[in-house]
Every structure is written in C-alpha cells, then in structure tokens.
C-alpha cells in the first residue's frame, strides 16, 4: 500500500510539473480594451475625381474619418499633378 501511495504521489507530481512546463504564459499584464486603444481609430479614404476642365487632369480627394465617433476630421482635394 505504501508503494502504491508513493507511485500515485509521484505520478501526480510529474503530471503537475508537465502542466506547469507546458504553460504558454498567459498575459500577466491586463489586456487593453480595444475601445480605449487609439490604434486604428482613424480611417483615410482617397478617391480620384476627373475634372471637366481641360486644363486640369483631375483631383485626388482625401477624407479622414474618426471611426470612434463617425465624424469627418478633414477633407482635402489635391491636383493630380501635385499629389505625392
């Protein structure tokens, strides 16, 4: 009985050691809430607008949108020849 008890204790101890060694390291630091993060908050949209004027090839229209509030932050139009 004493040998059986020692074997069970040894088996459980070895199992616990394997579980602890295989632990993949859950994050210790708190996870940042996606809503509080500023990464990916703004979205830039660009489009080409062909001008009816023969002297101007067209415009690049650029819009920056705040995805958190849905507001348009800025709108710019740049001549296609001046766009970098």
PDB file of N, CA and C in Angstrom:
ATOM      1  N   UNK A   1       0.821  -1.198   0.000  1.00  0.00           N
ATOM      2  CA  UNK A   1       0.000   0.000   0.000  1.00  0.00           C
ATOM      3  C   UNK A   1       0.864   1.260   0.000  1.00  0.00           C
ATOM      4  N   UNK A   2       1.979   1.190   0.752  1.00  0.00           N
ATOM      5  CA  UNK A   2       2.866   2.348   0.820  1.00  0.00           C
ATOM      6  C   UNK A   2       3.514   2.607  -0.539  1.00  0.00           C
ATOM      7  N   UNK A   3       3.853   1.543  -1.269  1.00  0.00           N
ATOM      8  CA  UNK A   3       4.463   1.681  -2.584  1.00  0.00           C
ATOM      9  C   UNK A   3       3.442   2.275  -3.570  1.00  0.00           C
ATOM     10  N   UNK A   4       2.204   1.799  -3.473  1.00  0.00           N
ATOM     11  CA  UNK A   4       1.154   2.296  -4.360  1.00  0.00           C
ATOM     12  C   UNK A   4       0.910   3.784  -4.112  1.00  0.00           C
ATOM     13  N   UNK A   5       0.865   4.181  -2.848  1.00  0.00           N
ATOM     14  CA  UNK A   5       0.654   5.583  -2.496  1.00  0.00           C
ATOM     15  C   UNK A   5       1.805   6.443  -3.004  1.00  0.00           C
ATOM     16  N   UNK A   6       3.023   5.975  -2.898  1.00  0.00           N
ATOM     17  CA  UNK A   6       4.190   6.711  -3.387  1.00  0.00           C
ATOM     18  C   UNK A   6       4.144   6.840  -4.902  1.00  0.00           C
ATOM     19  N   UNK A   7       3.693   5.805  -5.597  1.00  0.00           N
ATOM     20  CA  UNK A   7       3.590   5.860  -7.055  1.00  0.00           C
ATOM     21  C   UNK A   7       2.537   6.885  -7.494  1.00  0.00           C
ATOM     22  N   UNK A   8       1.412   6.911  -6.808  1.00  0.00           N
ATOM     23  CA  UNK A   8       0.360   7.875  -7.142  1.00  0.00           C
ATOM     24  C   UNK A   8       0.867   9.304  -6.912  1.00  0.00           C
ATOM     25  N   UNK A   9       1.528   9.542  -5.783  1.00  0.00           N
ATOM     26  CA  UNK A   9       2.065  10.869  -5.487  1.00  0.00           C
ATOM     27  C   UNK A   9       3.111  11.254  -6.534  1.00  0.00           C
ATOM     28  N   UNK A  10       3.971  10.333  -6.912  1.00  0.00           N
ATOM     29  CA  UNK A  10       4.976  10.608  -7.941  1.00  0.00           C
ATOM     30  C   UNK A  10       4.343  10.904  -9.285  1.00  0.00           C
ATOM     31  N   UNK A  11       3.315  10.145  -9.641  1.00  0.00           N
ATOM     32  CA  UNK A  11       2.622  10.369 -10.910  1.00  0.00           C
ATOM     33  C   UNK A  11       1.952  11.744 -10.922  1.00  0.00           C
ATOM     34  N   UNK A  12       1.266  12.103  -9.847  1.00  0.00           N
ATOM     35  CA  UNK A  12       0.608  13.410  -9.775  1.00  0.00           C
ATOM     36  C   UNK A  12       1.625  14.552  -9.785  1.00  0.00           C
ATOM     37  N   UNK A  13       2.747  14.365  -9.103  1.00  0.00           N
ATOM     38  CA  UNK A  13       3.795  15.379  -9.095  1.00  0.00           C
ATOM     39  C   UNK A  13       4.374  15.569 -10.498  1.00  0.00           C
ATOM     40  N   UNK A  14       4.635  14.471 -11.201  1.00  0.00           N
ATOM     41  CA  UNK A  14       5.158  14.562 -12.570  1.00  0.00           C
ATOM     42  C   UNK A  14       4.138  15.212 -13.506  1.00  0.00           C
ATOM     43  N   UNK A  15       2.859  14.889 -13.333  1.00  0.00           N
ATOM     44  CA  UNK A  15       1.807  15.493 -14.162  1.00  0.00           C
ATOM     45  C   UNK A  15       1.731  16.998 -13.933  1.00  0.00           C
ATOM     46  N   UNK A  16       1.807  17.409 -12.671  1.00  0.00           N
ATOM     47  CA  UNK A  16       1.791  18.849 -12.375  1.00  0.00           C
ATOM     48  C   UNK A  16       3.006  19.546 -12.970  1.00  0.00           C
ATOM     49  N   UNK A  17       4.151  18.916 -12.929  1.00  0.00           N
ATOM     50  CA  UNK A  17       5.352  19.526 -13.498  1.00  0.00           C
ATOM     51  C   UNK A  17       5.212  19.680 -15.010  1.00  0.00           C
ATOM     52  N   UNK A  18       4.662  18.658 -15.682  1.00  0.00           N
ATOM     53  CA  UNK A  18       4.463  18.767 -17.130  1.00  0.00           C
ATOM     54  C   UNK A  18       3.462  19.868 -17.467  1.00  0.00           C
ATOM     55  N   UNK A  19       2.414  20.001 -16.669  1.00  0.00           N
ATOM     56  CA  UNK A  19       1.437  21.048 -16.916  1.00  0.00           C
ATOM     57  C   UNK A  19       2.045  22.426 -16.718  1.00  0.00           C
ATOM     58  N   UNK A  20       2.859  22.583 -15.693  1.00  0.00           N
ATOM     59  CA  UNK A  20       3.496  23.874 -15.455  1.00  0.00           C
ATOM     60  C   UNK A  20       4.542  24.194 -16.512  1.00  0.00           C
ATOM     61  N   UNK A  21       5.268  23.199 -16.979  1.00  0.00           N
ATOM     62  CA  UNK A  21       6.273  23.437 -18.021  1.00  0.00           C
ATOM     63  C   UNK A  21       5.612  23.747 -19.366  1.00  0.00           C
ATOM     64  N   UNK A  22       4.444  23.196 -19.607  1.00  0.00           N
ATOM     65  CA  UNK A  22       3.746  23.417 -20.862  1.00  0.00           C
ATOM     66  C   UNK A  22       2.893  24.672 -20.864  1.00  0.00           C
ATOM     67  N   UNK A  23       2.877  25.373 -19.769  1.00  0.00           N
ATOM     68  CA  UNK A  23       2.091  26.604 -19.654  1.00  0.00           C
ATOM     69  C   UNK A  23       2.604  27.619 -20.668  1.00  0.00           C
ATOM     70  N   UNK A  24       1.710  28.160 -21.502  1.00  0.00           N
ATOM     71  CA  UNK A  24       2.132  29.047 -22.594  1.00  0.00           C
ATOM     72  C   UNK A  24       2.260  30.497 -22.169  1.00  0.00           C
ATOM     73  N   UNK A  25       2.176  30.801 -20.932  1.00  0.00           N
ATOM     74  CA  UNK A  25       2.401  32.168 -20.462  1.00  0.00           C
ATOM     75  C   UNK A  25       1.252  33.097 -20.768  1.00  0.00           C
ATOM     76  N   UNK A  26       0.129  32.917 -20.146  1.00  0.00           N
ATOM     77  CA  UNK A  26      -0.982  33.842 -20.315  1.00  0.00           C
ATOM     78  C   UNK A  26      -0.508  35.245 -19.964  1.00  0.00           C
ATOM     79  N   UNK A  27      -1.060  36.251 -20.582  1.00  0.00           N
ATOM     80  CA  UNK A  27      -0.575  37.606 -20.315  1.00  0.00           C
ATOM     81  C   UNK A  27      -0.726  37.980 -18.839  1.00  0.00           C
ATOM     82  N   UNK A  28       0.364  38.462 -18.287  1.00  0.00           N
ATOM     83  CA  UNK A  28       0.351  38.873 -16.897  1.00  0.00           C
ATOM     84  C   UNK A  28      -0.190  40.289 -16.793  1.00  0.00           C
ATOM     85  N   UNK A  29       0.139  41.113 -17.788  1.00  0.00           N
ATOM     86  CA  UNK A  29      -0.352  42.484 -17.786  1.00  0.00           C
ATOM     87  C   UNK A  29      -1.812  42.489 -18.221  1.00  0.00           C
ATOM     88  N   UNK A  30      -2.590  43.432 -17.750  1.00  0.00           N
ATOM     89  CA  UNK A  30      -4.004  43.465 -18.147  1.00  0.00           C
ATOM     90  C   UNK A  30      -4.153  43.746 -19.632  1.00  0.00           C
ATOM     91  N   UNK A  31      -5.144  43.142 -20.224  1.00  0.00           N
ATOM     92  CA  UNK A  31      -5.409  43.326 -21.651  1.00  0.00           C
ATOM     93  C   UNK A  31      -6.030  44.704 -21.855  1.00  0.00           C
ATOM     94  N   UNK A  32      -5.519  45.454 -22.826  1.00  0.00           N
ATOM     95  CA  UNK A  32      -6.041  46.791 -23.119  1.00  0.00           C
ATOM     96  C   UNK A  32      -7.354  46.630 -23.867  1.00  0.00           C
ATOM     97  N   UNK A  33      -8.350  47.328 -23.410  1.00  0.00           N
ATOM     98  CA  UNK A  33      -9.653  47.306 -24.067  1.00  0.00           C
ATOM     99  C   UNK A  33      -9.518  47.943 -25.450  1.00  0.00           C
ATOM    100  N   UNK A  34     -10.111  47.309 -26.456  1.00  0.00           N
ATOM    101  CA  UNK A  34      -9.993  47.800 -27.829  1.00  0.00           C
ATOM    102  C   UNK A  34     -10.599  49.196 -27.951  1.00  0.00           C
ATOM    103  N   UNK A  35     -11.648  49.481 -27.197  1.00  0.00           N
ATOM    104  CA  UNK A  35     -12.292  50.789 -27.288  1.00  0.00           C
ATOM    105  C   UNK A  35     -11.395  51.895 -26.758  1.00  0.00           C
ATOM    106  N   UNK A  36     -10.510  51.583 -25.809  1.00  0.00           N
ATOM    107  CA  UNK A  36      -9.629  52.584 -25.243  1.00  0.00           C
ATOM    108  C   UNK A  36      -8.370  52.787 -26.078  1.00  0.00           C
ATOM    109  N   UNK A  37      -8.081  51.879 -26.983  1.00  0.00           N
ATOM    110  CA  UNK A  37      -6.869  51.962 -27.785  1.00  0.00           C
ATOM    111  C   UNK A  37      -7.053  52.954 -28.923  1.00  0.00           C
ATOM    112  N   UNK A  38      -5.971  53.659 -29.262  1.00  0.00           N
ATOM    113  CA  UNK A  38      -6.025  54.627 -30.353  1.00  0.00           C
ATOM    114  C   UNK A  38      -5.561  54.001 -31.672  1.00  0.00           C
ATOM    115  N   UNK A  39      -5.127  52.759 -31.651  1.00  0.00           N
ATOM    116  CA  UNK A  39      -4.669  52.102 -32.866  1.00  0.00           C
ATOM    117  C   UNK A  39      -5.874  51.814 -33.751  1.00  0.00           C
ATOM    118  N   UNK A  40      -5.814  52.280 -34.978  1.00  0.00           N
ATOM    119  CA  UNK A  40      -6.897  52.043 -35.922  1.00  0.00           C
ATOM    120  C   UNK A  40      -8.092  52.950 -35.725  1.00  0.00           C
ATOM    121  N   UNK A  41      -7.909  54.045 -35.033  1.00  0.00           N
ATOM    122  CA  UNK A  41      -9.038  54.935 -34.761  1.00  0.00           C
ATOM    123  C   UNK A  41      -9.431  55.744 -35.985  1.00  0.00           C
ATOM    124  N   UNK A  42      -8.475  56.146 -36.799  1.00  0.00           N
ATOM    125  CA  UNK A  42      -8.756  56.989 -37.953  1.00  0.00           C
ATOM    126  C   UNK A  42      -8.654  56.186 -39.238  1.00  0.00           C
ATOM    127  N   UNK A  43      -9.550  56.484 -40.166  1.00  0.00           N
ATOM    128  CA  UNK A  43      -9.548  55.818 -41.459  1.00  0.00           C
ATOM    129  C   UNK A  43      -9.381  56.871 -42.539  1.00  0.00           C
ATOM    130  N   UNK A  44      -8.490  56.593 -43.492  1.00  0.00           N
ATOM    131  CA  UNK A  44      -8.251  57.522 -44.592  1.00  0.00           C
ATOM    132  C   UNK A  44      -8.874  56.934 -45.854  1.00  0.00           C
ATOM    133  N   UNK A  45      -9.618  57.756 -46.539  1.00  0.00           N
ATOM    134  CA  UNK A  45     -10.237  57.348 -47.793  1.00  0.00           C
ATOM    135  C   UNK A  45      -9.777  58.296 -48.888  1.00  0.00           C
ATOM    136  N   UNK A  46      -9.305  57.753 -50.001  1.00  0.00           N
ATOM    137  CA  UNK A  46      -8.906  58.575 -51.139  1.00  0.00           C
ATOM    138  C   UNK A  46      -9.656  58.103 -52.381  1.00  0.00           C
ATOM    139  N   UNK A  47      -9.968  59.056 -53.222  1.00  0.00           N
ATOM    140  CA  UNK A  47     -10.634  58.721 -54.479  1.00  0.00           C
ATOM    141  C   UNK A  47     -10.201  59.717 -55.552  1.00  0.00           C
ATOM    142  N   UNK A  48     -10.353  59.323 -56.790  1.00  0.00           N
ATOM    143  CA  UNK A  48      -9.975  60.165 -57.927  1.00  0.00           C
ATOM    144  C   UNK A  48     -11.228  60.801 -58.509  1.00  0.00           C
ATOM    145  N   UNK A  49     -11.156  62.099 -58.768  1.00  0.00           N
ATOM    146  CA  UNK A  49     -12.259  62.830 -59.375  1.00  0.00           C
ATOM    147  C   UNK A  49     -11.760  63.460 -60.664  1.00  0.00           C
ATOM    148  N   UNK A  50     -12.321  63.039 -61.786  1.00  0.00           N
ATOM    149  CA  UNK A  50     -11.908  63.579 -63.078  1.00  0.00           C
ATOM    150  C   UNK A  50     -12.610  64.906 -63.319  1.00  0.00           C
ATOM    151  N   UNK A  51     -11.817  65.902 -63.655  1.00  0.00           N
ATOM    152  CA  UNK A  51     -12.337  67.255 -63.836  1.00  0.00           C
ATOM    153  C   UNK A  51     -12.876  67.436 -65.248  1.00  0.00           C
ATOM    154  N   UNK A  52     -13.912  68.268 -65.356  1.00  0.00           N
ATOM    155  CA  UNK A  52     -14.478  68.617 -66.659  1.00  0.00           C
ATOM    156  C   UNK A  52     -13.613  69.661 -67.366  1.00  0.00           C
ATOM    157  N   UNK A  53     -12.799  70.359 -66.586  1.00  0.00           N
ATOM    158  CA  UNK A  53     -11.933  71.407 -67.115  1.00  0.00           C
ATOM    159  C   UNK A  53     -10.797  70.760 -67.913  1.00  0.00           C
ATOM    160  N   UNK A  54     -10.525  71.269 -69.104  1.00  0.00           N
ATOM    161  CA  UNK A  54      -9.465  70.682 -69.940  1.00  0.00           C
ATOM    162  C   UNK A  54      -8.072  71.023 -69.433  1.00  0.00           C
ATOM    163  N   UNK A  55      -7.940  72.077 -68.659  1.00  0.00           N
ATOM    164  CA  UNK A  55      -6.633  72.484 -68.152  1.00  0.00           C
ATOM    165  C   UNK A  55      -6.199  71.661 -66.932  1.00  0.00           C
ATOM    166  N   UNK A  56      -7.128  70.986 -66.315  1.00  0.00           N
ATOM    167  CA  UNK A  56      -6.838  70.219 -65.096  1.00  0.00           C
ATOM    168  C   UNK A  56      -7.158  68.752 -65.376  1.00  0.00           C
ATOM    169  N   UNK A  57      -6.198  67.866 -65.072  1.00  0.00           N
ATOM    170  CA  UNK A  57      -6.423  66.430 -65.295  1.00  0.00           C
ATOM    171  C   UNK A  57      -7.461  65.868 -64.329  1.00  0.00           C
ATOM    172  N   UNK A  58      -7.347  66.242 -63.054  1.00  0.00           N
ATOM    173  CA  UNK A  58      -8.278  65.711 -62.061  1.00  0.00           C
ATOM    174  C   UNK A  58      -7.782  66.010 -60.658  1.00  0.00           C
ATOM    175  N   UNK A  59      -8.509  65.507 -59.701  1.00  0.00           N
ATOM    176  CA  UNK A  59      -8.196  65.741 -58.296  1.00  0.00           C
ATOM    177  C   UNK A  59      -8.129  64.416 -57.540  1.00  0.00           C
ATOM    178  N   UNK A  60      -7.332  64.409 -56.515  1.00  0.00           N
ATOM    179  CA  UNK A  60      -7.373  63.334 -55.528  1.00  0.00           C
ATOM    180  C   UNK A  60      -8.121  63.896 -54.327  1.00  0.00           C
ATOM    181  N   UNK A  61      -9.215  63.265 -53.953  1.00  0.00           N
ATOM    182  CA  UNK A  61      -9.997  63.686 -52.806  1.00  0.00           C
ATOM    183  C   UNK A  61      -9.628  62.792 -51.622  1.00  0.00           C
ATOM    184  N   UNK A  62      -9.222  63.405 -50.531  1.00  0.00           N
ATOM    185  CA  UNK A  62      -8.785  62.666 -49.354  1.00  0.00           C
ATOM    186  C   UNK A  62      -9.707  63.022 -48.190  1.00  0.00           C
ATOM    187  N   UNK A  63     -10.229  62.005 -47.509  1.00  0.00           N
ATOM    188  CA  UNK A  63     -11.104  62.204 -46.368  1.00  0.00           C
ATOM    189  C   UNK A  63     -10.570  61.405 -45.196  1.00  0.00           C
ATOM    190  N   UNK A  64     -10.470  62.021 -44.023  1.00  0.00           N
ATOM    191  CA  UNK A  64     -10.055  61.330 -42.805  1.00  0.00           C
ATOM    192  C   UNK A  64     -11.267  61.251 -41.888  1.00  0.00           C
ATOM    193  N   UNK A  65     -11.594  60.029 -41.462  1.00  0.00           N
ATOM    194  CA  UNK A  65     -12.787  59.779 -40.651  1.00  0.00           C
ATOM    195  C   UNK A  65     -12.363  59.229 -39.298  1.00  0.00           C
ATOM    196  N   UNK A  66     -12.962  59.752 -38.238  1.00  0.00           N
ATOM    197  CA  UNK A  66     -12.769  59.230 -36.891  1.00  0.00           C
ATOM    198  C   UNK A  66     -13.742  58.066 -36.725  1.00  0.00           C
ATOM    199  N   UNK A  67     -13.216  56.838 -36.667  1.00  0.00           N
ATOM    200  CA  UNK A  67     -14.088  55.669 -36.614  1.00  0.00           C
ATOM    201  C   UNK A  67     -14.750  55.487 -35.254  1.00  0.00           C
ATOM    202  N   UNK A  68     -14.242  56.147 -34.235  1.00  0.00           N
ATOM    203  CA  UNK A  68     -14.847  56.031 -32.907  1.00  0.00           C
ATOM    204  C   UNK A  68     -16.133  56.853 -32.823  1.00  0.00           C
ATOM    205  N   UNK A  69     -16.097  58.084 -33.354  1.00  0.00           N
ATOM    206  CA  UNK A  69     -17.272  58.948 -33.263  1.00  0.00           C
ATOM    207  C   UNK A  69     -18.043  59.036 -34.585  1.00  0.00           C
ATOM    208  N   UNK A  70     -17.423  58.635 -35.700  1.00  0.00           N
ATOM    209  CA  UNK A  70     -18.073  58.701 -37.001  1.00  0.00           C
ATOM    210  C   UNK A  70     -17.989  60.063 -37.660  1.00  0.00           C
ATOM    211  N   UNK A  71     -17.260  60.989 -37.043  1.00  0.00           N
ATOM    212  CA  UNK A  71     -17.144  62.336 -37.587  1.00  0.00           C
ATOM    213  C   UNK A  71     -16.049  62.406 -38.651  1.00  0.00           C
ATOM    214  N   UNK A  72     -16.243  63.294 -39.614  1.00  0.00           N
ATOM    215  CA  UNK A  72     -15.223  63.546 -40.623  1.00  0.00           C
ATOM    216  C   UNK A  72     -14.253  64.574 -40.050  1.00  0.00           C
ATOM    217  N   UNK A  73     -12.987  64.189 -39.946  1.00  0.00           N
ATOM    218  CA  UNK A  73     -11.981  65.048 -39.342  1.00  0.00           C
ATOM    219  C   UNK A  73     -11.492  66.082 -40.337  1.00  0.00           C
ATOM    220  N   UNK A  74     -11.190  65.646 -41.563  1.00  0.00           N
ATOM    221  CA  UNK A  74     -10.728  66.599 -42.572  1.00  0.00           C
ATOM    222  C   UNK A  74     -11.031  66.076 -43.969  1.00  0.00           C
ATOM    223  N   UNK A  75     -11.137  67.036 -44.881  1.00  0.00           N
ATOM    224  CA  UNK A  75     -11.307  66.736 -46.312  1.00  0.00           C
ATOM    225  C   UNK A  75     -10.336  67.607 -47.081  1.00  0.00           C
ATOM    226  N   UNK A  76      -9.596  66.998 -47.986  1.00  0.00           N
ATOM    227  CA  UNK A  76      -8.637  67.729 -48.812  1.00  0.00           C
ATOM    228  C   UNK A  76      -8.830  67.336 -50.267  1.00  0.00           C
ATOM    229  N   UNK A  77      -8.592  68.293 -51.137  1.00  0.00           N
ATOM    230  CA  UNK A  77      -8.548  67.983 -52.565  1.00  0.00           C
ATOM    231  C   UNK A  77      -7.212  68.504 -53.098  1.00  0.00           C
ATOM    232  N   UNK A  78      -6.505  67.644 -53.821  1.00  0.00           N
ATOM    233  CA  UNK A  78      -5.185  67.973 -54.344  1.00  0.00           C
ATOM    234  C   UNK A  78      -5.203  67.679 -55.834  1.00  0.00           C
ATOM    235  N   UNK A  79      -4.602  68.582 -56.598  1.00  0.00           N
ATOM    236  CA  UNK A  79      -4.487  68.329 -58.036  1.00  0.00           C
ATOM    237  C   UNK A  79      -3.677  67.050 -58.272  1.00  0.00           C
ATOM    238  N   UNK A  80      -4.058  66.291 -59.264  1.00  0.00           N
ATOM    239  CA  UNK A  80      -3.398  65.016 -59.540  1.00  0.00           C
ATOM    240  C   UNK A  80      -1.913  65.245 -59.858  1.00  0.00           C
ATOM    241  N   UNK A  81      -1.575  66.365 -60.464  1.00  0.00           N
ATOM    242  CA  UNK A  81      -0.175  66.644 -60.807  1.00  0.00           C
ATOM    243  C   UNK A  81       0.656  66.978 -59.572  1.00  0.00           C
ATOM    244  N   UNK A  82       0.024  67.455 -58.491  1.00  0.00           N
ATOM    245  CA  UNK A  82       0.734  67.843 -57.283  1.00  0.00           C
ATOM    246  C   UNK A  82       0.718  66.767 -56.204  1.00  0.00           C
ATOM    247  N   UNK A  83      -0.025  65.691 -56.447  1.00  0.00           N
ATOM    248  CA  UNK A  83      -0.154  64.635 -55.437  1.00  0.00           C
ATOM    249  C   UNK A  83       1.113  63.798 -55.366  1.00  0.00           C
ATOM    250  N   UNK A  84       1.615  63.569 -54.167  1.00  0.00           N
ATOM    251  CA  UNK A  84       2.828  62.779 -53.992  1.00  0.00           C
ATOM    252  C   UNK A  84       2.507  61.440 -53.393  1.00  0.00           C
TER     253      UNK A  84
END
